[in-house]
Amino acid sequence: MGSGSFSTVLTPAGPQVTELAVVRYTSKGTPDSSFGMGGGAFAPPAAGSTSSAAAVAIQTNGSIVAAGITGVGSFGGSLTATQFELARFTATGQLDPTFGTGGQVATSFGKGIANGVVALVLQPDGKIIAVGGSSNPDTARSFARFTLARYLAQ
């Protein structure tokens, strides 16, 4: 299982959208065509125009949780008001509609502009722990903070 992002342009003159992406591979290292669309599954940004996964975990029921960052802007330019993003996919690569809103959850930590997940841990009771960081440059003491969020099992 791999994670990251996928970029697309909505219209020739429209904005670029970067989606959270996961890819499942076979034991031979090729994309598993039985998963999602040709081996890949995608989630539109939960908030804004950009999202990317940095961590992935497989739950005991086969559901796949991917987590990272969502926000407004682009990874090559400036991102503003980013949030933790989690997306859960079924074992076949479809967004799980029973998770969050349409399969996704975005979590903000105050006014911080740099919130993002870097790791996931699944607890034995099914709860999801997302680990990352946040910062708020609007304060006199702007610094990155270790940030931890726990999501209830559904």
C-alpha atoms as a PDB file:
ATOM      1  CA  MET A   1       0.000   0.000   0.000  1.00  0.00           C
ATOM      2  CA  GLY A   2       1.364   3.409  -0.932  1.00  0.00           C
ATOM      3  CA  SER A   3       0.049   6.912  -0.288  1.00  0.00           C
ATOM      4  CA  GLY A   4       0.552  10.400  -1.644  1.00  0.00           C
ATOM      5  CA  SER A   5      -1.288  12.778  -3.938  1.00  0.00           C
ATOM      6  CA  PHE A   6      -2.599  13.047  -7.490  1.00  0.00           C
ATOM      7  CA  SER A   7      -2.988  16.346  -9.360  1.00  0.00           C
ATOM      8  CA  THR A   8      -5.554  17.199 -11.992  1.00  0.00           C
ATOM      9  CA  VAL A   9      -6.784  20.348 -13.706  1.00  0.00           C
ATOM     10  CA  LEU A  10     -10.565  20.693 -13.538  1.00  0.00           C
ATOM     11  CA  THR A  11     -10.847  22.751 -16.741  1.00  0.00           C
ATOM     12  CA  PRO A  12      -8.230  24.128 -19.150  1.00  0.00           C
ATOM     13  CA  ALA A  13      -8.497  27.512 -17.417  1.00  0.00           C
ATOM     14  CA  GLY A  14      -9.574  26.169 -14.024  1.00  0.00           C
ATOM     15  CA  PRO A  15      -7.651  25.609 -10.819  1.00  0.00           C
ATOM     16  CA  GLN A  16      -5.421  22.640 -10.218  1.00  0.00           C
ATOM     17  CA  VAL A  17      -6.754  20.214  -7.623  1.00  0.00           C
ATOM     18  CA  THR A  18      -4.465  17.815  -5.772  1.00  0.00           C
ATOM     19  CA  GLU A  19      -6.248  14.770  -4.317  1.00  0.00           C
ATOM     20  CA  LEU A  20      -5.233  12.403  -1.560  1.00  0.00           C
ATOM     21  CA  ALA A  21      -4.313   9.084  -3.185  1.00  0.00           C
ATOM     22  CA  VAL A  22      -3.593   5.493  -2.169  1.00  0.00           C
ATOM     23  CA  VAL A  23      -2.340   2.687  -4.379  1.00  0.00           C
ATOM     24  CA  ARG A  24      -2.443  -1.027  -3.618  1.00  0.00           C
ATOM     25  CA  TYR A  25       0.253  -3.234  -5.118  1.00  0.00           C
ATOM     26  CA  THR A  26       0.355  -6.961  -5.829  1.00  0.00           C
ATOM     27  CA  SER A  27       3.089  -9.180  -4.406  1.00  0.00           C
ATOM     28  CA  LYS A  28       4.892  -8.674  -7.747  1.00  0.00           C
ATOM     29  CA  GLY A  29       5.007  -4.895  -7.257  1.00  0.00           C
ATOM     30  CA  THR A  30       2.438  -3.924  -9.859  1.00  0.00           C
ATOM     31  CA  PRO A  31      -0.746  -1.934  -9.124  1.00  0.00           C
ATOM     32  CA  ASP A  32      -3.612  -4.236  -8.064  1.00  0.00           C
ATOM     33  CA  SER A  33      -6.263  -3.673 -10.760  1.00  0.00           C
ATOM     34  CA  SER A  34      -8.991  -5.043  -8.459  1.00  0.00           C
ATOM     35  CA  PHE A  35      -8.540  -2.031  -6.137  1.00  0.00           C
ATOM     36  CA  GLY A  36     -10.210   1.310  -6.890  1.00  0.00           C
ATOM     37  CA  MET A  37      -9.559   2.489 -10.437  1.00  0.00           C
ATOM     38  CA  GLY A  38      -6.664   0.514 -11.897  1.00  0.00           C
ATOM     39  CA  GLY A  39      -5.040   0.039  -8.495  1.00  0.00           C
ATOM     40  CA  GLY A  40      -5.536   3.549  -7.133  1.00  0.00           C
ATOM     41  CA  ALA A  41      -8.173   5.234  -4.980  1.00  0.00           C
ATOM     42  CA  PHE A  42      -8.607   8.978  -4.624  1.00  0.00           C
ATOM     43  CA  ALA A  43     -10.305  11.406  -2.242  1.00  0.00           C
ATOM     44  CA  PRO A  44     -11.024  15.034  -3.176  1.00  0.00           C
ATOM     45  CA  PRO A  45      -9.646  17.615  -0.746  1.00  0.00           C
ATOM     46  CA  ALA A  46     -11.697  17.649   2.451  1.00  0.00           C
ATOM     47  CA  ALA A  47     -11.101  21.394   2.759  1.00  0.00           C
ATOM     48  CA  GLY A  48      -9.844  23.635  -0.021  1.00  0.00           C
ATOM     49  CA  SER A  49      -8.047  22.631  -3.189  1.00  0.00           C
ATOM     50  CA  THR A  50      -5.103  20.497  -2.078  1.00  0.00           C
ATOM     51  CA  SER A  51      -4.689  17.277  -0.130  1.00  0.00           C
ATOM     52  CA  SER A  52      -2.030  14.639   0.205  1.00  0.00           C
ATOM     53  CA  ALA A  53      -1.534  11.485   2.254  1.00  0.00           C
ATOM     54  CA  ALA A  54       1.577  10.896   4.324  1.00  0.00           C
ATOM     55  CA  ALA A  55       0.462   7.816   6.280  1.00  0.00           C
ATOM     56  CA  VAL A  56      -1.668   4.750   5.676  1.00  0.00           C
ATOM     57  CA  ALA A  57      -2.975   1.958   7.936  1.00  0.00           C
ATOM     58  CA  ILE A  58      -5.185  -1.069   7.352  1.00  0.00           C
ATOM     59  CA  GLN A  59      -7.914  -1.773   9.895  1.00  0.00           C
ATOM     60  CA  THR A  60      -8.795  -5.322  11.007  1.00  0.00           C
ATOM     61  CA  ASN A  61     -11.918  -5.297   8.789  1.00  0.00           C
ATOM     62  CA  GLY A  62      -9.792  -4.508   5.700  1.00  0.00           C
ATOM     63  CA  SER A  63     -10.698  -0.804   5.559  1.00  0.00           C
ATOM     64  CA  ILE A  64      -7.817   1.477   4.639  1.00  0.00           C
ATOM     65  CA  VAL A  65      -7.221   4.747   6.468  1.00  0.00           C
ATOM     66  CA  ALA A  66      -5.016   7.344   4.777  1.00  0.00           C
ATOM     67  CA  ALA A  67      -4.056  10.580   6.489  1.00  0.00           C
ATOM     68  CA  GLY A  68      -2.147  13.722   5.693  1.00  0.00           C
ATOM     69  CA  ILE A  69      -2.915  17.336   4.944  1.00  0.00           C
ATOM     70  CA  THR A  70      -5.690  19.312   3.257  1.00  0.00           C
ATOM     71  CA  GLY A  71      -5.824  23.017   2.574  1.00  0.00           C
ATOM     72  CA  VAL A  72      -6.102  25.921   0.198  1.00  0.00           C
ATOM     73  CA  GLY A  73      -3.256  26.568  -2.203  1.00  0.00           C
ATOM     74  CA  SER A  74      -0.665  24.302  -3.767  1.00  0.00           C
ATOM     75  CA  PHE A  75       2.290  22.297  -2.521  1.00  0.00           C
ATOM     76  CA  GLY A  76       4.604  24.155  -4.918  1.00  0.00           C
ATOM     77  CA  GLY A  77       3.282  27.555  -3.820  1.00  0.00           C
ATOM     78  CA  SER A  78       1.803  28.633  -0.535  1.00  0.00           C
ATOM     79  CA  LEU A  79      -0.663  26.641   1.533  1.00  0.00           C
ATOM     80  CA  THR A  80      -2.973  28.443   3.927  1.00  0.00           C
ATOM     81  CA  ALA A  81      -5.272  27.151   6.655  1.00  0.00           C
ATOM     82  CA  THR A  82      -4.222  23.525   6.362  1.00  0.00           C
ATOM     83  CA  GLN A  83      -5.905  20.801   8.404  1.00  0.00           C
ATOM     84  CA  PHE A  84      -5.400  17.174   9.359  1.00  0.00           C
ATOM     85  CA  GLU A  85      -7.161  15.019   6.765  1.00  0.00           C
ATOM     86  CA  LEU A  86      -8.250  11.403   7.151  1.00  0.00           C
ATOM     87  CA  ALA A  87      -9.951   9.372   4.453  1.00  0.00           C
ATOM     88  CA  ARG A  88     -11.187   5.817   4.866  1.00  0.00           C
ATOM     89  CA  PHE A  89     -11.546   3.483   1.908  1.00  0.00           C
ATOM     90  CA  THR A  90     -13.257   0.115   1.734  1.00  0.00           C
ATOM     91  CA  ALA A  91     -11.139  -2.948   0.939  1.00  0.00           C
ATOM     92  CA  THR A  92     -12.156  -2.489  -2.716  1.00  0.00           C
ATOM     93  CA  GLY A  93     -10.957   1.129  -2.907  1.00  0.00           C
ATOM     94  CA  GLN A  94     -14.162   3.148  -2.516  1.00  0.00           C
ATOM     95  CA  LEU A  95     -14.533   6.008  -0.026  1.00  0.00           C
ATOM     96  CA  ASP A  96     -16.343   4.618   3.023  1.00  0.00           C
ATOM     97  CA  PRO A  97     -19.549   6.694   3.430  1.00  0.00           C
ATOM     98  CA  THR A  98     -19.905   5.581   7.078  1.00  0.00           C
ATOM     99  CA  PHE A  99     -16.707   7.447   8.027  1.00  0.00           C
ATOM    100  CA  GLY A 100     -16.937  11.183   8.686  1.00  0.00           C
ATOM    101  CA  THR A 101     -18.577  13.085   5.839  1.00  0.00           C
ATOM    102  CA  GLY A 102     -18.517  11.081   2.635  1.00  0.00           C
ATOM    103  CA  GLY A 103     -15.557   9.043   3.853  1.00  0.00           C
ATOM    104  CA  GLN A 104     -13.402  11.917   5.095  1.00  0.00           C
ATOM    105  CA  VAL A 105     -12.643  13.966   8.187  1.00  0.00           C
ATOM    106  CA  ALA A 106     -10.775  17.294   8.333  1.00  0.00           C
ATOM    107  CA  THR A 107      -9.579  18.571  11.709  1.00  0.00           C
ATOM    108  CA  SER A 108      -8.298  22.068  12.450  1.00  0.00           C
ATOM    109  CA  PHE A 109      -6.324  23.070  15.506  1.00  0.00           C
ATOM    110  CA  GLY A 110      -7.173  26.707  16.054  1.00  0.00           C
ATOM    111  CA  LYS A 111      -5.840  29.303  13.654  1.00  0.00           C
ATOM    112  CA  GLY A 112      -2.770  27.270  12.726  1.00  0.00           C
ATOM    113  CA  ILE A 113      -1.884  27.345   9.060  1.00  0.00           C
ATOM    114  CA  ALA A 114       0.373  24.313   9.078  1.00  0.00           C
ATOM    115  CA  ASN A 115      -1.547  21.301  10.378  1.00  0.00           C
ATOM    116  CA  GLY A 116      -0.687  17.902   8.936  1.00  0.00           C
ATOM    117  CA  VAL A 117      -0.572  14.202   9.793  1.00  0.00           C
ATOM    118  CA  VAL A 118       2.723  12.330   9.454  1.00  0.00           C
ATOM    119  CA  ALA A 119       1.846   8.996  11.106  1.00  0.00           C
ATOM    120  CA  LEU A 120      -1.139   6.823  12.058  1.00  0.00           C
ATOM    121  CA  VAL A 121      -1.616   4.269  14.816  1.00  0.00           C
ATOM    122  CA  LEU A 122      -4.609   1.950  15.126  1.00  0.00           C
ATOM    123  CA  GLN A 123      -5.635   1.046  18.660  1.00  0.00           C
ATOM    124  CA  PRO A 124      -6.938  -2.479  19.443  1.00  0.00           C
ATOM    125  CA  ASP A 125     -10.416  -1.007  20.101  1.00  0.00           C
ATOM    126  CA  GLY A 126     -10.541   0.450  16.559  1.00  0.00           C
ATOM    127  CA  LYS A 127      -9.804   4.075  17.443  1.00  0.00           C
ATOM    128  CA  ILE A 128      -7.428   5.928  15.125  1.00  0.00           C
ATOM    129  CA  ILE A 129      -4.523   8.010  16.445  1.00  0.00           C
ATOM    130  CA  ALA A 130      -3.207  10.653  14.032  1.00  0.00           C
ATOM    131  CA  VAL A 131       0.172  12.207  14.835  1.00  0.00           C
ATOM    132  CA  GLY A 132       1.496  15.353  13.227  1.00  0.00           C
ATOM    133  CA  GLY A 133       2.239  18.966  13.820  1.00  0.00           C
ATOM    134  CA  SER A 134       0.736  22.424  13.759  1.00  0.00           C
ATOM    135  CA  SER A 135       1.997  25.974  13.935  1.00  0.00           C
ATOM    136  CA  ASN A 136       0.461  29.425  14.169  1.00  0.00           C
ATOM    137  CA  PRO A 137       2.535  32.261  12.698  1.00  0.00           C
ATOM    138  CA  ASP A 138      -0.001  34.837  13.924  1.00  0.00           C
ATOM    139  CA  THR A 139       1.289  34.618  17.481  1.00  0.00           C
ATOM    140  CA  ALA A 140       4.353  36.291  18.938  1.00  0.00           C
ATOM    141  CA  ARG A 141       5.767  32.835  19.706  1.00  0.00           C
ATOM    142  CA  SER A 142       5.264  31.059  16.397  1.00  0.00           C
ATOM    143  CA  PHE A 143       6.633  27.523  16.598  1.00  0.00           C
ATOM    144  CA  ALA A 144       5.707  24.053  15.487  1.00  0.00           C
ATOM    145  CA  ARG A 145       3.754  21.957  17.958  1.00  0.00           C
ATOM    146  CA  PHE A 146       3.523  18.205  18.255  1.00  0.00           C
ATOM    147  CA  THR A 147      -0.137  17.463  17.596  1.00  0.00           C
ATOM    148  CA  LEU A 148      -2.097  14.313  18.394  1.00  0.00           C
ATOM    149  CA  ALA A 149      -5.728  13.535  17.605  1.00  0.00           C
ATOM    150  CA  ARG A 150      -7.785  10.433  18.384  1.00  0.00           C
ATOM    151  CA  TYR A 151     -10.770   9.524  16.249  1.00  0.00           C
ATOM    152  CA  LEU A 152     -13.500   7.230  17.554  1.00  0.00           C
ATOM    153  CA  ALA A 153     -14.149   3.915  15.871  1.00  0.00           C
ATOM    154  CA  GLN A 154     -17.314   3.643  13.807  1.00  0.00           C
END
